Structures are given as C-alpha cells and as structure tokens.
Amino acid sequence: MGSKILDKLLINRINYHLYKNELLTKRQFGFTPKIGTIDATMEAKSFTEPLLANRGLVIMTSLDVQGAFDSA
C-alpha cells in the first residue's frame, strides 16, 4: 500500500512540472486528466474532414498498447 501512495505522489509531481512548464502538446490525450477517447476522436475528425472534402488521402494508424507499461 505504501508504494501506491508513493506512486501517486510521484505522478502528481511529474504532472505538476509538465503543466507548469507547458511541456505537453495540446494533442496529448493519453495519461492526461479530463481528456479522453472522445477528445482524441474529435481531433482526428477535425483534422481529416477538410482533407477528405478535397478528395485528399488520409492514412491513420491505431495502436492498442493496453498493458504495455506493465512490463516496463
């Protein structure tokens, strides 16, 4: 249980540093409080719609990395 408290404190400190110094891009969706899948989807939609309207080509890649950090 003590390690979970330490983990939470460390994460809070890292997030504070990142936000205070504006080190994250506005397109950062993962691991960001109050931003989720819907926000990422709407960003992709707003980016691709004009390209598709002009008969442009859009190539997207989606990765499912659930559990990727469990072994890191």
C-alpha atoms as a PDB file:
ATOM      1  CA  MET A   1       0.000   0.000   0.000  1.00  0.00           C
ATOM      2  CA  GLY A   2       2.869   2.368   0.734  1.00  0.00           C
ATOM      3  CA  SER A   3       4.184   2.023  -2.804  1.00  0.00           C
ATOM      4  CA  LYS A   4       0.809   3.090  -4.245  1.00  0.00           C
ATOM      5  CA  ILE A   5       0.914   6.285  -2.208  1.00  0.00           C
ATOM      6  CA  LEU A   6       4.468   6.961  -3.362  1.00  0.00           C
ATOM      7  CA  ASP A   7       3.434   6.259  -6.979  1.00  0.00           C
ATOM      8  CA  LYS A   8       0.564   8.737  -6.731  1.00  0.00           C
ATOM      9  CA  LEU A   9       2.799  11.427  -5.200  1.00  0.00           C
ATOM     10  CA  LEU A  10       5.403  10.946  -7.903  1.00  0.00           C
ATOM     11  CA  ILE A  11       2.819  11.085 -10.704  1.00  0.00           C
ATOM     12  CA  ASN A  12       1.297  14.247  -9.233  1.00  0.00           C
ATOM     13  CA  ARG A  13       4.718  15.887  -9.020  1.00  0.00           C
ATOM     14  CA  ILE A  14       5.602  14.959 -12.616  1.00  0.00           C
ATOM     15  CA  ASN A  15       2.232  16.223 -13.889  1.00  0.00           C
ATOM     16  CA  TYR A  16       2.654  19.472 -11.973  1.00  0.00           C
ATOM     17  CA  HIS A  17       6.061  20.032 -13.592  1.00  0.00           C
ATOM     18  CA  LEU A  18       4.765  19.197 -17.088  1.00  0.00           C
ATOM     19  CA  TYR A  19       1.761  21.512 -16.867  1.00  0.00           C
ATOM     20  CA  LYS A  20       3.535  24.351 -15.070  1.00  0.00           C
ATOM     21  CA  ASN A  21       6.266  24.453 -17.709  1.00  0.00           C
ATOM     22  CA  GLU A  22       3.857  23.809 -20.605  1.00  0.00           C
ATOM     23  CA  LEU A  23       5.844  20.807 -21.770  1.00  0.00           C
ATOM     24  CA  LEU A  24       2.869  18.887 -23.164  1.00  0.00           C
ATOM     25  CA  THR A  25       1.335  19.491 -26.554  1.00  0.00           C
ATOM     26  CA  LYS A  26      -2.388  20.186 -26.831  1.00  0.00           C
ATOM     27  CA  ARG A  27      -2.599  16.944 -28.802  1.00  0.00           C
ATOM     28  CA  GLN A  28      -1.553  14.846 -25.807  1.00  0.00           C
ATOM     29  CA  PHE A  29      -4.534  12.644 -24.989  1.00  0.00           C
ATOM     30  CA  GLY A  30      -3.197   9.624 -23.142  1.00  0.00           C
ATOM     31  CA  PHE A  31      -2.428   9.921 -19.436  1.00  0.00           C
ATOM     32  CA  THR A  32      -3.996  13.381 -19.363  1.00  0.00           C
ATOM     33  CA  PRO A  33      -6.633  14.206 -16.729  1.00  0.00           C
ATOM     34  CA  LYS A  34     -10.104  15.120 -18.037  1.00  0.00           C
ATOM     35  CA  ILE A  35      -9.161  14.283 -21.630  1.00  0.00           C
ATOM     36  CA  GLY A  36     -10.207  11.007 -23.159  1.00  0.00           C
ATOM     37  CA  THR A  37     -11.014   8.970 -26.234  1.00  0.00           C
ATOM     38  CA  ILE A  38     -13.788  11.278 -27.394  1.00  0.00           C
ATOM     39  CA  ASP A  39     -11.390  14.243 -27.399  1.00  0.00           C
ATOM     40  CA  ALA A  40      -8.858  12.287 -29.451  1.00  0.00           C
ATOM     41  CA  THR A  41     -11.562  11.165 -31.879  1.00  0.00           C
ATOM     42  CA  MET A  42     -12.867  14.705 -32.358  1.00  0.00           C
ATOM     43  CA  GLU A  43      -9.308  15.956 -33.006  1.00  0.00           C
ATOM     44  CA  ALA A  44      -8.816  13.262 -35.660  1.00  0.00           C
ATOM     45  CA  LYS A  45     -12.173  14.150 -37.213  1.00  0.00           C
ATOM     46  CA  SER A  46     -11.385  17.868 -37.365  1.00  0.00           C
ATOM     47  CA  PHE A  47      -8.021  17.094 -38.967  1.00  0.00           C
ATOM     48  CA  THR A  48      -9.282  14.616 -41.573  1.00  0.00           C
ATOM     49  CA  GLU A  49     -12.596  16.185 -42.659  1.00  0.00           C
ATOM     50  CA  PRO A  50     -11.078  19.024 -44.735  1.00  0.00           C
ATOM     51  CA  LEU A  51      -8.650  16.629 -46.404  1.00  0.00           C
ATOM     52  CA  LEU A  52     -11.413  14.197 -47.326  1.00  0.00           C
ATOM     53  CA  ALA A  53     -13.661  17.030 -48.549  1.00  0.00           C
ATOM     54  CA  ASN A  54     -10.902  17.946 -51.031  1.00  0.00           C
ATOM     55  CA  ARG A  55     -10.542  14.288 -52.064  1.00  0.00           C
ATOM     56  CA  GLY A  56      -7.256  14.046 -50.193  1.00  0.00           C
ATOM     57  CA  LEU A  57      -5.686  10.885 -48.852  1.00  0.00           C
ATOM     58  CA  VAL A  58      -5.769  10.120 -45.147  1.00  0.00           C
ATOM     59  CA  ILE A  59      -3.818   7.262 -43.587  1.00  0.00           C
ATOM     60  CA  MET A  60      -4.319   6.538 -39.904  1.00  0.00           C
ATOM     61  CA  THR A  61      -2.690   4.057 -37.568  1.00  0.00           C
ATOM     62  CA  SER A  62      -4.198   2.972 -34.286  1.00  0.00           C
ATOM     63  CA  LEU A  63      -2.250   1.085 -31.649  1.00  0.00           C
ATOM     64  CA  ASP A  64      -3.703  -0.765 -28.692  1.00  0.00           C
ATOM     65  CA  VAL A  65      -0.967  -0.710 -26.091  1.00  0.00           C
ATOM     66  CA  GLN A  66      -3.017  -1.801 -23.110  1.00  0.00           C
ATOM     67  CA  GLY A  67      -0.642  -3.325 -20.619  1.00  0.00           C
ATOM     68  CA  ALA A  68       2.429  -2.038 -22.469  1.00  0.00           C
ATOM     69  CA  PHE A  69       3.784  -0.366 -19.345  1.00  0.00           C
ATOM     70  CA  ASP A  70       3.099  -3.323 -17.062  1.00  0.00           C
ATOM     71  CA  SER A  71       6.431  -4.864 -18.016  1.00  0.00           C
ATOM     72  CA  ALA A  72       8.392  -1.648 -18.423  1.00  0.00           C
END
